[in-house]
Protein backbone atom coordinates (compact mmCIF):
# COMPACT_ATOMS: atom_id res chain seq x y z
CA MET A 1 -22.40 4.99 -20.86
CA SER A 2 -24.36 7.50 -18.79
CA LYS A 3 -22.98 8.38 -15.40
CA ASP A 4 -26.50 7.91 -14.04
CA LEU A 5 -26.11 4.17 -14.69
CA ASP A 6 -22.69 3.86 -13.05
CA ILE A 7 -22.53 1.67 -9.97
CA ALA A 8 -20.95 4.62 -8.14
CA ASN A 9 -23.94 6.86 -8.78
CA PRO A 10 -25.25 7.51 -5.24
CA ALA A 11 -28.83 6.59 -6.15
CA ARG A 12 -27.78 3.35 -7.84
CA THR A 13 -25.44 2.41 -4.97
CA GLN A 14 -28.32 2.81 -2.51
CA ALA A 15 -30.67 0.89 -4.81
CA ILE A 16 -28.21 -2.03 -5.02
CA MET A 17 -27.79 -2.10 -1.24
CA ASN A 18 -31.56 -1.97 -0.74
CA ALA A 19 -32.24 -4.71 -3.30
CA TYR A 20 -29.87 -7.11 -1.58
CA GLY A 21 -30.54 -5.95 1.97
CA LEU A 22 -26.83 -5.26 2.16
CA ARG A 23 -25.38 -3.88 5.35
CA VAL A 24 -21.71 -3.05 5.40
CA LYS A 25 -19.42 -5.01 7.68
CA LYS A 26 -17.42 -2.73 9.92
CA SER A 27 -15.13 -5.68 10.65
CA LEU A 28 -14.06 -5.60 6.98
CA GLY A 29 -13.77 -1.83 6.82
CA GLN A 30 -16.39 -1.54 4.10
CA ASN A 31 -17.15 1.94 2.77
CA PHE A 32 -18.53 2.20 -0.76
CA LEU A 33 -17.31 5.08 -2.92
CA THR A 34 -20.08 7.09 -4.62
CA ASP A 35 -18.21 9.82 -6.47
CA GLN A 36 -17.56 9.22 -10.17
CA ASN A 37 -15.02 12.05 -10.40
CA VAL A 38 -12.88 10.40 -7.71
CA LEU A 39 -13.06 7.07 -9.56
CA HIS A 40 -12.03 8.79 -12.79
CA ASN A 41 -9.07 10.37 -10.98
CA ILE A 42 -7.98 7.02 -9.54
CA VAL A 43 -7.92 5.45 -13.01
CA ALA A 44 -6.12 8.49 -14.44
CA THR A 45 -3.55 8.46 -11.62
CA ALA A 46 -2.81 4.79 -12.33
CA ASP A 47 -2.57 5.65 -16.04
CA ILE A 48 -4.63 2.59 -16.95
CA GLY A 49 -4.51 1.82 -20.68
CA GLN A 50 -6.10 -0.76 -22.96
CA ASN A 51 -3.00 -2.96 -22.76
CA ASP A 52 -2.87 -3.07 -18.94
CA ASN A 53 -3.75 -5.92 -16.63
CA VAL A 54 -5.05 -4.67 -13.29
CA ILE A 55 -5.22 -6.30 -9.86
CA GLU A 56 -7.93 -4.88 -7.59
CA ILE A 57 -8.27 -5.60 -3.88
CA GLY A 58 -11.74 -5.35 -2.34
CA PRO A 59 -14.08 -4.51 -5.24
CA GLY A 60 -17.09 -4.12 -2.92
CA ILE A 61 -20.14 -3.77 -5.17
CA GLY A 62 -17.99 -3.03 -8.24
CA ALA A 63 -17.85 0.79 -8.49
CA LEU A 64 -14.10 1.06 -9.10
CA THR A 65 -13.97 -2.32 -10.86
CA GLU A 66 -16.31 -0.97 -13.52
CA TYR A 67 -14.04 1.99 -14.27
CA LEU A 68 -10.94 -0.25 -14.36
CA ALA A 69 -12.64 -2.66 -16.77
CA ARG A 70 -13.57 0.17 -19.12
CA ALA A 71 -10.04 1.56 -19.18
CA GLY A 72 -7.87 -1.58 -18.98
CA HIS A 73 -7.42 -4.92 -20.70
CA HIS A 74 -8.37 -7.28 -17.86
CA VAL A 75 -9.20 -6.90 -14.15
CA LEU A 76 -8.48 -9.57 -11.56
CA ALA A 77 -10.26 -8.61 -8.33
CA PHE A 78 -10.04 -10.24 -4.90
CA GLU A 79 -13.08 -10.00 -2.60
CA ILE A 80 -13.07 -11.66 0.82
CA ASP A 81 -16.80 -11.09 1.57
CA ASP A 82 -18.79 -13.87 -0.13
CA ARG A 83 -22.05 -11.89 0.39
CA LEU A 84 -20.87 -9.56 -2.37
CA LEU A 85 -20.33 -12.24 -5.04
CA PRO A 86 -23.93 -12.35 -6.34
CA ILE A 87 -24.05 -8.56 -6.29
CA LEU A 88 -20.84 -8.31 -8.32
CA GLU A 89 -22.17 -10.92 -10.73
CA GLU A 90 -25.14 -8.66 -11.40
CA THR A 91 -23.48 -5.23 -11.35
CA LEU A 92 -20.58 -6.29 -13.58
CA PHE A 93 -22.59 -8.59 -15.85
CA ASP A 94 -21.92 -6.48 -18.96
CA TYR A 95 -18.12 -6.81 -18.67
CA ASP A 96 -16.30 -9.89 -19.98
CA ASN A 97 -12.84 -8.74 -18.89
CA ILE A 98 -13.25 -9.16 -15.12
CA ASP A 99 -12.49 -12.14 -12.88
CA ILE A 100 -13.66 -12.00 -9.24
CA ILE A 101 -11.80 -14.26 -6.82
CA ASN A 102 -13.39 -14.93 -3.41
CA GLN A 103 -10.16 -15.11 -1.43
CA ASP A 104 -8.20 -13.16 1.18
CA ILE A 105 -5.44 -11.21 -0.58
CA LEU A 106 -3.14 -11.90 2.39
CA LYS A 107 -3.46 -15.66 1.88
CA VAL A 108 -3.74 -16.01 -1.89
CA ASP A 109 -0.91 -17.29 -4.10
CA LEU A 110 -0.82 -14.14 -6.22
CA PRO A 111 1.74 -15.29 -8.83
CA GLU A 112 -0.31 -18.44 -9.46
CA MET A 113 -3.54 -16.45 -9.75
CA ILE A 114 -1.96 -14.02 -12.20
CA ALA A 115 -0.57 -16.87 -14.30
CA THR A 116 -3.99 -18.54 -14.34
CA HIS A 117 -6.23 -15.56 -15.09
CA LEU A 118 -4.16 -12.93 -16.89
CA GLU A 119 -2.38 -12.88 -20.23
CA PRO A 120 1.41 -12.63 -19.75
CA ASP A 121 3.69 -9.90 -21.06
CA ARG A 122 1.30 -7.05 -20.38
CA PRO A 123 1.93 -4.16 -17.95
CA LEU A 124 0.59 -5.06 -14.50
CA LYS A 125 -0.85 -2.46 -12.13
CA LEU A 126 -2.56 -2.66 -8.75
CA VAL A 127 -5.46 -0.40 -7.80
CA ALA A 128 -7.44 -0.61 -4.56
CA ASN A 129 -9.62 1.18 -2.07
CA LEU A 130 -7.99 -0.42 0.97
CA PRO A 131 -9.85 -1.08 4.25
CA TYR A 132 -8.39 1.20 6.92
CA TYR A 133 -7.87 -1.54 9.49
CA ILE A 134 -5.64 -3.67 7.28
CA THR A 135 -3.99 -1.15 4.93
CA THR A 136 -0.44 -1.64 6.19
CA PRO A 137 -0.40 -5.49 6.22
CA ILE A 138 -1.81 -5.61 2.68
CA LEU A 139 0.65 -3.04 1.39
CA MET A 140 3.66 -4.68 3.02
CA ASN A 141 2.56 -8.10 1.76
CA VAL A 142 2.28 -6.80 -1.80
CA LEU A 143 5.59 -4.91 -1.72
CA ALA A 144 7.52 -7.84 -0.22
CA GLY A 145 6.04 -10.33 -2.71
CA SER A 146 7.58 -11.55 -5.95
CA VAL A 147 5.01 -9.86 -8.20
CA LYS A 148 6.37 -6.64 -9.66
CA PHE A 149 3.87 -3.88 -10.44
CA GLU A 150 4.52 -0.99 -12.79
CA ASN A 151 2.63 1.15 -10.33
CA ILE A 152 0.31 0.81 -7.34
CA VAL A 153 -2.51 3.29 -6.73
CA VAL A 154 -4.30 2.87 -3.43
CA MET A 155 -6.81 4.84 -1.43
CA MET A 156 -6.36 4.79 2.32
CA GLN A 157 -6.77 6.80 5.49
CA LYS A 158 -5.12 10.19 4.95
CA GLU A 159 -2.94 9.84 8.02
CA VAL A 160 -1.40 6.65 6.64
CA ALA A 161 -1.05 8.20 3.18
CA ASP A 162 0.91 11.08 4.72
CA ARG A 163 3.30 8.56 6.26
CA LEU A 164 3.92 6.79 2.96
CA ALA A 165 4.85 10.00 1.13
CA ALA A 166 6.66 11.70 4.04
CA GLU A 167 10.08 13.36 3.80
CA PRO A 168 12.92 12.78 6.30
CA GLY A 169 12.74 15.06 9.31
CA THR A 170 8.95 15.31 9.34
CA LYS A 171 6.58 14.00 11.99
CA ALA A 172 4.94 11.55 9.56
CA TYR A 173 8.26 9.99 8.50
CA GLY A 174 8.79 6.58 10.06
CA ALA A 175 9.48 2.88 9.58
CA LEU A 176 6.49 2.49 7.23
CA THR A 177 7.79 5.35 5.08
CA ILE A 178 11.15 3.65 4.66
CA ALA A 179 9.63 0.21 4.05
CA VAL A 180 7.65 1.69 1.14
CA GLN A 181 10.22 4.13 -0.23
CA TYR A 182 12.95 1.48 -0.19
CA ARG A 183 11.05 -0.14 -3.07
CA MET A 184 8.78 2.53 -4.60
CA ALA A 185 8.56 6.26 -5.19
CA ALA A 186 5.55 7.55 -3.25
CA GLU A 187 3.34 10.48 -4.27
CA LEU A 188 0.23 11.83 -2.57
CA ALA A 189 -2.11 12.29 -5.53
CA MET A 190 -5.44 13.46 -4.08
CA ILE A 191 -7.34 14.03 -0.84
CA VAL A 192 -10.76 12.33 -0.75
CA PRO A 193 -13.35 13.71 1.69
CA ARG A 194 -15.26 11.30 3.92
CA THR A 195 -18.56 12.57 2.50
CA VAL A 196 -18.21 10.62 -0.79
CA PHE A 197 -18.53 7.21 0.90
CA VAL A 198 -21.51 5.16 2.04
CA PRO A 199 -21.39 4.91 4.97
CA ALA A 200 -19.14 7.90 5.63
CA PRO A 201 -16.00 6.95 7.60
CA ASN A 202 -14.81 9.03 10.53
CA VAL A 203 -11.74 10.38 8.71
CA ASP A 204 -10.76 11.66 5.27
CA SER A 205 -8.93 9.47 2.76
CA ALA A 206 -6.16 10.04 0.24
CA ILE A 207 -4.99 8.44 -2.98
CA VAL A 208 -1.33 7.47 -3.08
CA LYS A 209 0.60 6.49 -6.20
CA LEU A 210 3.58 4.19 -5.78
CA THR A 211 5.84 3.87 -8.81
CA ALA A 212 8.49 1.18 -9.20
CA LEU A 213 12.03 2.44 -8.68
CA PRO A 214 14.90 1.35 -10.92
CA PRO A 215 17.13 -1.33 -9.34
CA ARG A 216 19.04 0.14 -6.41
CA THR A 217 22.77 0.59 -6.82
CA HIS A 218 23.12 0.86 -3.04
CA VAL A 219 21.62 -2.16 -1.30
CA PRO A 220 22.12 -3.53 2.24
CA PHE A 221 24.06 -6.72 2.79
CA ASP A 222 20.81 -8.29 3.96
CA GLU A 223 17.28 -6.86 3.62
CA ALA A 224 15.96 -8.54 6.77
CA ALA A 225 18.78 -6.98 8.78
CA PHE A 226 18.09 -3.60 7.17
CA PHE A 227 14.43 -3.62 8.20
CA LYS A 228 15.43 -4.84 11.67
CA VAL A 229 17.63 -1.75 12.09
CA VAL A 230 14.90 0.54 10.71
CA LYS A 231 12.31 -0.89 13.09
CA ALA A 232 14.70 -0.51 16.04
CA GLY A 233 15.55 3.05 15.05
CA PHE A 234 11.90 4.09 15.34
CA ALA A 235 11.05 1.88 18.33
CA HIS A 236 11.04 4.90 20.64
CA ARG A 237 10.63 8.02 18.54
CA ARG A 238 11.65 10.41 21.34
CA LYS A 239 14.93 8.60 21.87
CA ASN A 240 17.99 9.28 19.77
CA LEU A 241 19.58 6.69 17.51
CA TRP A 242 22.26 5.79 20.07
CA ASN A 243 19.70 4.83 22.72
CA ASN A 244 17.54 2.88 20.30
CA LEU A 245 20.53 0.91 19.00
CA GLN A 246 21.48 0.06 22.59
CA SER A 247 17.95 -1.21 23.14
CA LEU A 248 18.45 -3.49 20.15
CA PHE A 249 21.98 -4.73 20.76
CA GLY A 250 22.52 -4.27 24.50
CA LYS A 251 24.60 -2.06 26.79
CA LEU A 252 27.71 -4.14 27.45
CA PRO A 253 30.91 -2.06 27.12
CA GLU A 254 32.10 -4.03 24.08
CA THR A 255 28.68 -3.62 22.46
CA LYS A 256 28.71 0.12 23.00
CA THR A 257 32.17 0.25 21.43
CA ALA A 258 30.95 -1.68 18.39
CA ILE A 259 27.89 0.56 18.01
CA GLN A 260 30.06 3.67 18.18
CA ALA A 261 32.45 2.22 15.61
CA ALA A 262 29.56 1.51 13.26
CA LEU A 263 28.17 5.04 13.66
CA ASP A 264 31.62 6.50 13.03
CA GLN A 265 32.05 4.38 9.92
CA ALA A 266 28.62 5.44 8.65
CA GLU A 267 29.39 9.09 9.56
CA ILE A 268 26.16 9.35 11.55
CA ASP A 269 25.77 11.45 14.71
CA PRO A 270 24.76 9.17 17.64
CA LYS A 271 22.46 11.92 18.96
CA ILE A 272 20.40 12.12 15.77
CA ARG A 273 16.87 10.73 15.71
CA ALA A 274 15.93 8.05 13.21
CA GLU A 275 13.39 10.31 11.50
CA ARG A 276 16.24 12.41 10.09
CA LEU A 277 17.95 9.50 8.30
CA THR A 278 17.31 8.82 4.62
CA VAL A 279 16.81 5.33 3.20
CA ASP A 280 20.40 5.33 1.92
CA GLU A 281 21.74 6.37 5.33
CA PHE A 282 19.90 3.47 6.96
CA ILE A 283 21.46 1.14 4.39
CA THR A 284 24.92 2.54 5.16
CA LEU A 285 24.27 2.15 8.90
CA THR A 286 23.10 -1.46 8.47
CA ASP A 287 26.28 -2.38 6.58
CA ALA A 288 28.42 -0.62 9.19
CA LEU A 289 26.71 -2.56 12.00
CA HIS A 290 27.42 -5.73 10.05
CA ALA A 291 31.08 -4.74 9.70
CA SER A 292 31.17 -4.23 13.48
CA GLU A 293 29.83 -7.81 13.87
CA LEU A 294 26.58 -6.69 15.50
CA LEU A 295 24.51 -8.13 12.64
């Protein structure tokens, strides 16, 4: 099919918007991608093949959906804006391997939807151009859910992408980094300039690839407790770990003794900042705090 006919062709995108009198909703973070090379790179990064089922979040007017449908077996897309449903029905009319669901991805029963719309026993991947304002809640909801994806390829604000793929000891490394890298390997695949969107956002974007990790051999005694410790560790970035742990557990003499015992057991310097600890070191610290009866 000619690129001139692609939904993402700038002229066709504008024609679709004009035909439907479509104005983007800033409240939904809508920015339509109009660069076919970027779409090709997204599909290539996700390594979409003819056997793959794909979940898409926020298809918009169908630019990325079209590319996913061409490359994959079946696409299940979730669009919260009901104004876009008739547009998607028209733009994606030629494809019989797409289901559009008019629901909020944060509220949908994803396992049920997958069981209803997708053939089982096929590789499952997630691809999305995420709205900036809700990137983190969507990502955390997906990662904490029961659905296991072979990989997740998402476009987001570059600043957030940098945080996902950050290394310990860097400014971008934080609680979000650990929440993601606890479950997935994160790779910054491509920077996407703001100029390839309609309308153009105020910042550049980036494509991040998250690949499922093998089962961890080193796991915390309790995941909720682990993330509680991680969140506390980064609560005040300029404070060292000792001060942040006191803010979490208190400053009574016996509490300070227990915190020190846990740090000694974990072989972690109390003066270190949380940004220098690896995921495994946070797991070790969480278990040590549990052994000291603080968790």
